[in-house]
PDB file of N, CA and C in Angstrom:
ATOM      1  N   MET A   1     -18.006  18.845  -2.240  1.00  0.00           N
ATOM      2  CA  MET A   1     -19.226  18.655  -2.989  1.00  0.00           C
ATOM      3  C   MET A   1     -19.029  19.049  -4.455  1.00  0.00           C
ATOM      4  N   ARG A   2     -18.279  20.132  -4.686  1.00  0.00           N
ATOM      5  CA  ARG A   2     -18.038  20.594  -6.047  1.00  0.00           C
ATOM      6  C   ARG A   2     -17.289  19.540  -6.864  1.00  0.00           C
ATOM      7  N   VAL A   3     -16.314  18.880  -6.234  1.00  0.00           N
ATOM      8  CA  VAL A   3     -15.541  17.849  -6.927  1.00  0.00           C
ATOM      9  C   VAL A   3     -16.453  16.706  -7.348  1.00  0.00           C
ATOM     10  N   LEU A   4     -17.372  16.333  -6.469  1.00  0.00           N
ATOM     11  CA  LEU A   4     -18.315  15.266  -6.807  1.00  0.00           C
ATOM     12  C   LEU A   4     -19.164  15.663  -8.009  1.00  0.00           C
ATOM     13  N   GLN A   5     -19.632  16.889  -8.018  1.00  0.00           N
ATOM     14  CA  GLN A   5     -20.440  17.366  -9.142  1.00  0.00           C
ATOM     15  C   GLN A   5     -19.637  17.392 -10.435  1.00  0.00           C
ATOM     16  N   GLU A   6     -18.379  17.837 -10.354  1.00  0.00           N
ATOM     17  CA  GLU A   6     -17.534  17.888 -11.544  1.00  0.00           C
ATOM     18  C   GLU A   6     -17.307  16.501 -12.127  1.00  0.00           C
ATOM     19  N   ARG A   7     -17.223  15.508 -11.263  1.00  0.00           N
ATOM     20  CA  ARG A   7     -16.985  14.140 -11.721  1.00  0.00           C
ATOM     21  C   ARG A   7     -18.268  13.355 -11.968  1.00  0.00           C
ATOM     22  N   GLY A   8     -19.386  13.963 -11.677  1.00  0.00           N
ATOM     23  CA  GLY A   8     -20.663  13.304 -11.900  1.00  0.00           C
ATOM     24  C   GLY A   8     -20.913  12.144 -10.946  1.00  0.00           C
ATOM     25  N   ILE A   9     -20.457  12.300  -9.713  1.00  0.00           N
ATOM     26  CA  ILE A   9     -20.592  11.249  -8.712  1.00  0.00           C
ATOM     27  C   ILE A   9     -21.518  11.754  -7.606  1.00  0.00           C
ATOM     28  N   SER A  10     -22.459  10.910  -7.217  1.00  0.00           N
ATOM     29  CA  SER A  10     -23.349  11.293  -6.125  1.00  0.00           C
ATOM     30  C   SER A  10     -22.669  11.033  -4.790  1.00  0.00           C
ATOM     31  N   ARG A  11     -23.215  11.615  -3.743  1.00  0.00           N
ATOM     32  CA  ARG A  11     -22.683  11.377  -2.397  1.00  0.00           C
ATOM     33  C   ARG A  11     -22.800   9.904  -2.043  1.00  0.00           C
ATOM     34  N   TYR A  12     -23.895   9.284  -2.451  1.00  0.00           N
ATOM     35  CA  TYR A  12     -24.099   7.861  -2.175  1.00  0.00           C
ATOM     36  C   TYR A  12     -23.023   7.018  -2.864  1.00  0.00           C
ATOM     37  N   GLU A  13     -22.726   7.325  -4.123  1.00  0.00           N
ATOM     38  CA  GLU A  13     -21.685   6.581  -4.849  1.00  0.00           C
ATOM     39  C   GLU A  13     -20.323   6.767  -4.191  1.00  0.00           C
ATOM     40  N   MET A  14     -20.018   7.982  -3.751  1.00  0.00           N
ATOM     41  CA  MET A  14     -18.750   8.248  -3.078  1.00  0.00           C
ATOM     42  C   MET A  14     -18.689   7.488  -1.754  1.00  0.00           C
ATOM     43  N   HIS A  15     -19.778   7.520  -1.019  1.00  0.00           N
ATOM     44  CA  HIS A  15     -19.843   6.796   0.253  1.00  0.00           C
ATOM     45  C   HIS A  15     -19.633   5.294   0.022  1.00  0.00           C
ATOM     46  N   THR A  16     -20.274   4.755  -0.978  1.00  0.00           N
ATOM     47  CA  THR A  16     -20.145   3.332  -1.302  1.00  0.00           C
ATOM     48  C   THR A  16     -18.714   2.995  -1.696  1.00  0.00           C
ATOM     49  N   TRP A  17     -18.110   3.839  -2.506  1.00  0.00           N
ATOM     50  CA  TRP A  17     -16.734   3.609  -2.941  1.00  0.00           C
ATOM     51  C   TRP A  17     -15.772   3.682  -1.753  1.00  0.00           C
ATOM     52  N   LEU A  18     -15.932   4.692  -0.903  1.00  0.00           N
ATOM     53  CA  LEU A  18     -15.062   4.830   0.269  1.00  0.00           C
ATOM     54  C   LEU A  18     -15.210   3.637   1.210  1.00  0.00           C
ATOM     55  N   ARG A  19     -16.429   3.190   1.406  1.00  0.00           N
ATOM     56  CA  ARG A  19     -16.672   2.025   2.260  1.00  0.00           C
ATOM     57  C   ARG A  19     -15.956   0.800   1.702  1.00  0.00           C
ATOM     58  N   ALA A  20     -16.059   0.606   0.397  1.00  0.00           N
ATOM     59  CA  ALA A  20     -15.374  -0.525  -0.233  1.00  0.00           C
ATOM     60  C   ALA A  20     -13.863  -0.411  -0.065  1.00  0.00           C
ATOM     61  N   GLN A  21     -13.325   0.801  -0.196  1.00  0.00           N
ATOM     62  CA  GLN A  21     -11.888   1.005  -0.022  1.00  0.00           C
ATOM     63  C   GLN A  21     -11.444   0.661   1.395  1.00  0.00           C
ATOM     64  N   LEU A  22     -12.244   1.055   2.378  1.00  0.00           N
ATOM     65  CA  LEU A  22     -11.920   0.739   3.771  1.00  0.00           C
ATOM     66  C   LEU A  22     -11.959  -0.760   4.032  1.00  0.00           C
ATOM     67  N   ILE A  23     -12.920  -1.427   3.432  1.00  0.00           N
ATOM     68  CA  ILE A  23     -13.008  -2.888   3.581  1.00  0.00           C
ATOM     69  C   ILE A  23     -11.788  -3.555   2.956  1.00  0.00           C
ATOM     70  N   VAL A  24     -11.401  -3.113   1.766  1.00  0.00           N
ATOM     71  CA  VAL A  24     -10.226  -3.671   1.096  1.00  0.00           C
ATOM     72  C   VAL A  24      -8.975  -3.413   1.921  1.00  0.00           C
ATOM     73  N   ARG A  25      -8.848  -2.207   2.432  1.00  0.00           N
ATOM     74  CA  ARG A  25      -7.676  -1.859   3.254  1.00  0.00           C
ATOM     75  C   ARG A  25      -7.601  -2.740   4.503  1.00  0.00           C
ATOM     76  N   ALA A  26      -8.741  -2.958   5.156  1.00  0.00           N
ATOM     77  CA  ALA A  26      -8.769  -3.821   6.341  1.00  0.00           C
ATOM     78  C   ALA A  26      -8.396  -5.253   5.976  1.00  0.00           C
ATOM     79  N   LEU A  27      -8.884  -5.717   4.846  1.00  0.00           N
ATOM     80  CA  LEU A  27      -8.553  -7.068   4.384  1.00  0.00           C
ATOM     81  C   LEU A  27      -7.054  -7.202   4.118  1.00  0.00           C
ATOM     82  N   ILE A  28      -6.488  -6.223   3.456  1.00  0.00           N
ATOM     83  CA  ILE A  28      -5.046  -6.229   3.182  1.00  0.00           C
ATOM     84  C   ILE A  28      -4.261  -6.207   4.488  1.00  0.00           C
ATOM     85  N   ASP A  29      -4.694  -5.377   5.421  1.00  0.00           N
ATOM     86  CA  ASP A  29      -4.002  -5.312   6.714  1.00  0.00           C
ATOM     87  C   ASP A  29      -4.038  -6.650   7.430  1.00  0.00           C
ATOM     88  N   ARG A  30      -5.177  -7.315   7.415  1.00  0.00           N
ATOM     89  CA  ARG A  30      -5.337  -8.582   8.154  1.00  0.00           C
ATOM     90  C   ARG A  30      -4.735  -9.781   7.452  1.00  0.00           C
ATOM     91  N   ARG A  31      -4.760  -9.786   6.127  1.00  0.00           N
ATOM     92  CA  ARG A  31      -4.331 -10.972   5.384  1.00  0.00           C
ATOM     93  C   ARG A  31      -2.939 -10.867   4.778  1.00  0.00           C
ATOM     94  N   VAL A  32      -2.409  -9.660   4.673  1.00  0.00           N
ATOM     95  CA  VAL A  32      -1.099  -9.489   4.025  1.00  0.00           C
ATOM     96  C   VAL A  32      -0.132  -8.759   4.950  1.00  0.00           C
ATOM     97  N   ARG A  33      -0.426  -7.504   5.261  1.00  0.00           N
ATOM     98  CA  ARG A  33       0.500  -6.661   6.017  1.00  0.00           C
ATOM     99  C   ARG A  33       0.847  -7.265   7.382  1.00  0.00           C
ATOM    100  N   LEU A  34      -0.084  -7.912   8.032  1.00  0.00           N
ATOM    101  CA  LEU A  34       0.129  -8.496   9.349  1.00  0.00           C
ATOM    102  C   LEU A  34       1.266  -9.513   9.356  1.00  0.00           C
ATOM    103  N   PHE A  35       1.501 -10.180   8.219  1.00  0.00           N
ATOM    104  CA  PHE A  35       2.482 -11.251   8.155  1.00  0.00           C
ATOM    105  C   PHE A  35       3.837 -10.824   7.585  1.00  0.00           C
ATOM    106  N   ILE A  36       3.991  -9.563   7.316  1.00  0.00           N
ATOM    107  CA  ILE A  36       5.253  -9.061   6.774  1.00  0.00           C
ATOM    108  C   ILE A  36       6.138  -8.601   7.921  1.00  0.00           C
ATOM    109  N   ARG A  37       7.340  -9.119   7.934  1.00  0.00           N
ATOM    110  CA  ARG A  37       8.316  -8.734   8.949  1.00  0.00           C
ATOM    111  C   ARG A  37       9.584  -8.270   8.240  1.00  0.00           C
ATOM    112  N   ILE A  38       9.972  -7.054   8.519  1.00  0.00           N
ATOM    113  CA  ILE A  38      11.211  -6.508   7.979  1.00  0.00           C
ATOM    114  C   ILE A  38      12.231  -6.564   9.114  1.00  0.00           C
ATOM    115  N   ILE A  39      13.301  -7.310   8.891  1.00  0.00           N
ATOM    116  CA  ILE A  39      14.293  -7.487   9.953  1.00  0.00           C
ATOM    117  C   ILE A  39      15.370  -6.402   9.874  1.00  0.00           C
ATOM    118  N   GLU A  40      16.087  -6.267  10.971  1.00  0.00           N
ATOM    119  CA  GLU A  40      17.105  -5.215  11.088  1.00  0.00           C
ATOM    120  C   GLU A  40      18.131  -5.274   9.956  1.00  0.00           C
ATOM    121  N   GLY A  41      18.543  -6.469   9.565  1.00  0.00           N
ATOM    122  CA  GLY A  41      19.529  -6.599   8.497  1.00  0.00           C
ATOM    123  C   GLY A  41      19.025  -6.037   7.176  1.00  0.00           C
ATOM    124  N   GLN A  42      17.734  -6.210   6.888  1.00  0.00           N
ATOM    125  CA  GLN A  42      17.154  -5.657   5.665  1.00  0.00           C
ATOM    126  C   GLN A  42      17.157  -4.130   5.717  1.00  0.00           C
ATOM    127  N   ILE A  43      16.841  -3.596   6.875  1.00  0.00           N
ATOM    128  CA  ILE A  43      16.824  -2.138   7.038  1.00  0.00           C
ATOM    129  C   ILE A  43      18.222  -1.573   6.842  1.00  0.00           C
ATOM    130  N   ARG A  44      19.210  -2.198   7.484  1.00  0.00           N
ATOM    131  CA  ARG A  44      20.588  -1.717   7.344  1.00  0.00           C
ATOM    132  C   ARG A  44      21.080  -1.833   5.901  1.00  0.00           C
ATOM    133  N   GLY A  45      20.731  -2.936   5.231  1.00  0.00           N
ATOM    134  CA  GLY A  45      21.117  -3.111   3.835  1.00  0.00           C
ATOM    135  C   GLY A  45      20.504  -2.055   2.934  1.00  0.00           C
ATOM    136  N   TYR A  46      19.216  -1.767   3.152  1.00  0.00           N
ATOM    137  CA  TYR A  46      18.562  -0.726   2.366  1.00  0.00           C
ATOM    138  C   TYR A  46      19.226   0.621   2.620  1.00  0.00           C
ATOM    139  N   TYR A  47      19.481   0.911   3.882  1.00  0.00           N
ATOM    140  CA  TYR A  47      20.112   2.193   4.219  1.00  0.00           C
ATOM    141  C   TYR A  47      21.481   2.309   3.565  1.00  0.00           C
ATOM    142  N   ARG A  48      22.258   1.247   3.621  1.00  0.00           N
ATOM    143  CA  ARG A  48      23.598   1.254   3.025  1.00  0.00           C
ATOM    144  C   ARG A  48      23.510   1.516   1.521  1.00  0.00           C
ATOM    145  N   ASP A  49      22.523   0.902   0.856  1.00  0.00           N
ATOM    146  CA  ASP A  49      22.381   1.047  -0.595  1.00  0.00           C
ATOM    147  C   ASP A  49      21.751   2.375  -1.018  1.00  0.00           C
ATOM    148  N   HIS A  50      20.993   3.004  -0.115  1.00  0.00           N
ATOM    149  CA  HIS A  50      20.251   4.212  -0.473  1.00  0.00           C
ATOM    150  C   HIS A  50      20.493   5.361   0.506  1.00  0.00           C
ATOM    151  N   GLN A  51      21.633   5.421   1.085  1.00  0.00           N
ATOM    152  CA  GLN A  51      21.922   6.391   2.141  1.00  0.00           C
ATOM    153  C   GLN A  51      21.663   7.833   1.707  1.00  0.00           C
ATOM    154  N   GLN A  52      22.094   8.211   0.520  1.00  0.00           N
ATOM    155  CA  GLN A  52      21.901   9.590   0.064  1.00  0.00           C
ATOM    156  C   GLN A  52      20.422   9.899  -0.156  1.00  0.00           C
ATOM    157  N   MET A  53      19.667   8.940  -0.676  1.00  0.00           N
ATOM    158  CA  MET A  53      18.250   9.162  -0.935  1.00  0.00           C
ATOM    159  C   MET A  53      17.465   9.287   0.368  1.00  0.00           C
ATOM    160  N   VAL A  54      17.812   8.480   1.373  1.00  0.00           N
ATOM    161  CA  VAL A  54      17.098   8.516   2.654  1.00  0.00           C
ATOM    162  C   VAL A  54      17.293   9.867   3.314  1.00  0.00           C
ATOM    163  N   GLY A  55      18.507  10.354   3.351  1.00  0.00           N
ATOM    164  CA  GLY A  55      18.777  11.714   3.797  1.00  0.00           C
ATOM    165  C   GLY A  55      18.805  11.966   5.289  1.00  0.00           C
ATOM    166  N   VAL A  56      18.524  10.980   6.097  1.00  0.00           N
ATOM    167  CA  VAL A  56      18.593  11.152   7.551  1.00  0.00           C
ATOM    168  C   VAL A  56      19.418  10.015   8.126  1.00  0.00           C
ATOM    169  N   PRO A  57      20.024  10.236   9.275  1.00  0.00           N
ATOM    170  CA  PRO A  57      20.816   9.156   9.879  1.00  0.00           C
ATOM    171  C   PRO A  57      19.942   7.945  10.212  1.00  0.00           C
ATOM    172  N   LEU A  58      20.589   6.795  10.248  1.00  0.00           N
ATOM    173  CA  LEU A  58      19.861   5.571  10.563  1.00  0.00           C
ATOM    174  C   LEU A  58      19.619   5.504  12.068  1.00  0.00           C
ATOM    175  N   GLU A  59      18.830   6.422  12.528  1.00  0.00           N
ATOM    176  CA  GLU A  59      18.370   6.424  13.905  1.00  0.00           C
ATOM    177  C   GLU A  59      16.899   6.066  13.845  1.00  0.00           C
ATOM    178  N   GLU A  60      16.189   6.298  14.868  1.00  0.00           N
ATOM    179  CA  GLU A  60      14.791   5.851  14.915  1.00  0.00           C
ATOM    180  C   GLU A  60      13.950   6.402  13.765  1.00  0.00           C
ATOM    181  N   ALA A  61      14.062   7.685  13.461  1.00  0.00           N
ATOM    182  CA  ALA A  61      13.244   8.261  12.391  1.00  0.00           C
ATOM    183  C   ALA A  61      13.568   7.622  11.049  1.00  0.00           C
ATOM    184  N   GLY A  62      14.847   7.491  10.734  1.00  0.00           N
ATOM    185  CA  GLY A  62      15.241   6.879   9.472  1.00  0.00           C
ATOM    186  C   GLY A  62      14.881   5.416   9.407  1.00  0.00           C
ATOM    187  N   ARG A  63      15.071   4.701  10.482  1.00  0.00           N
ATOM    188  CA  ARG A  63      14.760   3.268  10.554  1.00  0.00           C
ATOM    189  C   ARG A  63      13.264   3.037  10.317  1.00  0.00           C
ATOM    190  N   GLU A  64      12.426   3.841  10.979  1.00  0.00           N
ATOM    191  CA  GLU A  64      10.973   3.690  10.810  1.00  0.00           C
ATOM    192  C   GLU A  64      10.542   4.011   9.383  1.00  0.00           C
ATOM    193  N   GLN A  65      11.145   5.027   8.799  1.00  0.00           N
ATOM    194  CA  GLN A  65      10.833   5.407   7.422  1.00  0.00           C
ATOM    195  C   GLN A  65      11.190   4.269   6.466  1.00  0.00           C
ATOM    196  N   ILE A  66      12.357   3.698   6.636  1.00  0.00           N
ATOM    197  CA  ILE A  66      12.789   2.590   5.781  1.00  0.00           C
ATOM    198  C   ILE A  66      11.898   1.369   5.991  1.00  0.00           C
ATOM    199  N   GLN A  67      11.563   1.078   7.234  1.00  0.00           N
ATOM    200  CA  GLN A  67      10.711  -0.078   7.520  1.00  0.00           C
ATOM    201  C   GLN A  67       9.336   0.088   6.872  1.00  0.00           C
ATOM    202  N   ARG A  68       8.758   1.287   6.948  1.00  0.00           N
ATOM    203  CA  ARG A  68       7.459   1.532   6.301  1.00  0.00           C
ATOM    204  C   ARG A  68       7.560   1.355   4.793  1.00  0.00           C
ATOM    205  N   LEU A  69       8.607   1.915   4.198  1.00  0.00           N
ATOM    206  CA  LEU A  69       8.807   1.800   2.763  1.00  0.00           C
ATOM    207  C   LEU A  69       8.954   0.345   2.339  1.00  0.00           C
ATOM    208  N   MET A  70       9.790  -0.403   3.055  1.00  0.00           N
ATOM    209  CA  MET A  70      10.023  -1.800   2.706  1.00  0.00           C
ATOM    210  C   MET A  70       8.767  -2.644   2.929  1.00  0.00           C
ATOM    211  N   THR A  71       8.007  -2.327   3.959  1.00  0.00           N
ATOM    212  CA  THR A  71       6.758  -3.048   4.215  1.00  0.00           C
ATOM    213  C   THR A  71       5.768  -2.810   3.082  1.00  0.00           C
ATOM    214  N   GLU A  72       5.605  -1.557   2.666  1.00  0.00           N
ATOM    215  CA  GLU A  72       4.669  -1.245   1.577  1.00  0.00           C
ATOM    216  C   GLU A  72       5.092  -1.910   0.273  1.00  0.00           C
ATOM    217  N   ARG A  73       6.382  -1.938   0.015  1.00  0.00           N
ATOM    218  CA  ARG A  73       6.864  -2.621  -1.193  1.00  0.00           C
ATOM    219  C   ARG A  73       6.528  -4.103  -1.148  1.00  0.00           C
ATOM    220  N   GLU A  74       6.722  -4.717   0.010  1.00  0.00           N
ATOM    221  CA  GLU A  74       6.422  -6.143   0.146  1.00  0.00           C
ATOM    222  C   GLU A  74       4.916  -6.402   0.056  1.00  0.00           C
ATOM    223  N   VAL A  75       4.113  -5.509   0.610  1.00  0.00           N
ATOM    224  CA  VAL A  75       2.662  -5.634   0.468  1.00  0.00           C
ATOM    225  C   VAL A  75       2.285  -5.612  -1.009  1.00  0.00           C
ATOM    226  N   ASN A  76       2.859  -4.685  -1.764  1.00  0.00           N
ATOM    227  CA  ASN A  76       2.566  -4.592  -3.197  1.00  0.00           C
ATOM    228  C   ASN A  76       2.981  -5.851  -3.944  1.00  0.00           C
ATOM    229  N   VAL A  77       4.145  -6.404  -3.607  1.00  0.00           N
ATOM    230  CA  VAL A  77       4.607  -7.640  -4.251  1.00  0.00           C
ATOM    231  C   VAL A  77       3.621  -8.762  -3.977  1.00  0.00           C
ATOM    232  N   ARG A  78       3.226  -8.913  -2.723  1.00  0.00           N
ATOM    233  CA  ARG A  78       2.316 -10.001  -2.358  1.00  0.00           C
ATOM    234  C   ARG A  78       0.923  -9.802  -2.961  1.00  0.00           C
ATOM    235  N   LEU A  79       0.454  -8.567  -3.022  1.00  0.00           N
ATOM    236  CA  LEU A  79      -0.842  -8.319  -3.649  1.00  0.00           C
ATOM    237  C   LEU A  79      -0.794  -8.623  -5.140  1.00  0.00           C
ATOM    238  N   ASN A  80       0.299  -8.260  -5.784  1.00  0.00           N
ATOM    239  CA  ASN A  80       0.440  -8.601  -7.209  1.00  0.00           C
ATOM    240  C   ASN A  80       0.423 -10.099  -7.415  1.00  0.00           C
ATOM    241  N   GLU A  81       1.076 -10.839  -6.521  1.00  0.00           N
ATOM    242  CA  GLU A  81       1.057 -12.296  -6.616  1.00  0.00           C
ATOM    243  C   GLU A  81      -0.356 -12.839  -6.414  1.00  0.00           C
ATOM    244  N   LEU A  82      -1.077 -12.301  -5.447  1.00  0.00           N
ATOM    245  CA  LEU A  82      -2.433 -12.767  -5.158  1.00  0.00           C
ATOM    246  C   LEU A  82      -3.416 -12.446  -6.276  1.00  0.00           C
ATOM    247  N   THR A  83      -3.206 -11.328  -6.947  1.00  0.00           N
ATOM    248  CA  THR A  83      -4.154 -10.913  -7.986  1.00  0.00           C
ATOM    249  C   THR A  83      -3.727 -11.318  -9.390  1.00  0.00           C
ATOM    250  N   ALA A  84      -2.572 -11.930  -9.537  1.00  0.00           N
ATOM    251  CA  ALA A  84      -2.087 -12.302 -10.873  1.00  0.00           C
ATOM    252  C   ALA A  84      -3.028 -13.295 -11.545  1.00  0.00           C
ATOM    253  N   SER A  85      -3.458 -14.303 -10.844  1.00  0.00           N
ATOM    254  CA  SER A  85      -4.329 -15.317 -11.428  1.00  0.00           C
ATOM    255  C   SER A  85      -5.694 -14.747 -11.816  1.00  0.00           C
ATOM    256  N   PRO A  86      -6.372 -14.007 -10.923  1.00  0.00           N
ATOM    257  CA  PRO A  86      -7.654 -13.423 -11.345  1.00  0.00           C
ATOM    258  C   PRO A  86      -7.528 -12.470 -12.524  1.00  0.00           C
ATOM    259  N   ARG A  87      -6.397 -11.751 -12.624  1.00  0.00           N
ATOM    260  CA  ARG A  87      -6.206 -10.836 -13.750  1.00  0.00           C
ATOM    261  C   ARG A  87      -6.119 -11.589 -15.062  1.00  0.00           C
ATOM    262  N   LYS A  88      -5.512 -12.765 -15.037  1.00  0.00           N
ATOM    263  CA  LYS A  88      -5.385 -13.561 -16.255  1.00  0.00           C
ATOM    264  C   LYS A  88      -6.737 -14.107 -16.697  1.00  0.00           C
ATOM    265  N   LYS A  89      -7.621 -14.357 -15.725  1.00  0.00           N
ATOM    266  CA  LYS A  89      -8.918 -14.968 -16.025  1.00  0.00           C
ATOM    267  C   LYS A  89      -9.995 -13.976 -16.390  1.00  0.00           C
ATOM    268  N   GLY A  90      -9.845 -12.740 -16.026  1.00  0.00           N
ATOM    269  CA  GLY A  90     -10.892 -11.757 -16.288  1.00  0.00           C
ATOM    270  C   GLY A  90     -10.397 -10.355 -16.112  1.00  0.00           C
ATOM    271  N   THR A  91     -11.319  -9.469 -15.903  1.00  0.00           N
ATOM    272  CA  THR A  91     -10.960  -8.068 -15.722  1.00  0.00           C
ATOM    273  C   THR A  91     -11.348  -7.624 -14.326  1.00  0.00           C
ATOM    274  N   LEU A  92     -10.599  -6.695 -13.816  1.00  0.00           N
ATOM    275  CA  LEU A  92     -10.911  -6.076 -12.544  1.00  0.00           C
ATOM    276  C   LEU A  92     -11.447  -4.699 -12.842  1.00  0.00           C
ATOM    277  N   GLU A  93     -12.594  -4.355 -12.255  1.00  0.00           N
ATOM    278  CA  GLU A  93     -13.186  -3.050 -12.499  1.00  0.00           C
ATOM    279  C   GLU A  93     -13.060  -2.199 -11.253  1.00  0.00           C
ATOM    280  N   PHE A  94     -12.704  -0.958 -11.444  1.00  0.00           N
ATOM    281  CA  PHE A  94     -12.560  -0.016 -10.350  1.00  0.00           C
ATOM    282  C   PHE A  94     -13.449   1.162 -10.624  1.00  0.00           C
ATOM    283  N   PRO A  95     -14.086   1.688  -9.580  1.00  0.00           N
ATOM    284  CA  PRO A  95     -14.931   2.877  -9.788  1.00  0.00           C
ATOM    285  C   PRO A  95     -14.085   4.088 -10.146  1.00  0.00           C
ATOM    286  N   PRO A  96     -14.704   5.102 -10.712  1.00  0.00           N
ATOM    287  CA  PRO A  96     -13.952   6.305 -11.120  1.00  0.00           C
ATOM    288  C   PRO A  96     -13.269   6.998  -9.965  1.00  0.00           C
TER     289      PRO A  96
END
């Protein structure tokens, strides 16, 4: 509650913003993330190129970590592609 007061945001505004974020996240999950497939060869290639940074053997824990990272990167690439045209035509406004 104190953080909301410091930022001058009401509970209703925070609730509205959080609801919008959840809707956007669900949309991204259904329209973008669902169609991204990271194959084993991509995981092995990433591990080979970044072995020291990953820091764990390419077993299940390391494989899942790399797959999540690569999936999020691909989601970001696809979202940038989807939003490139609207950005050129206008402005996108985000709440505080």
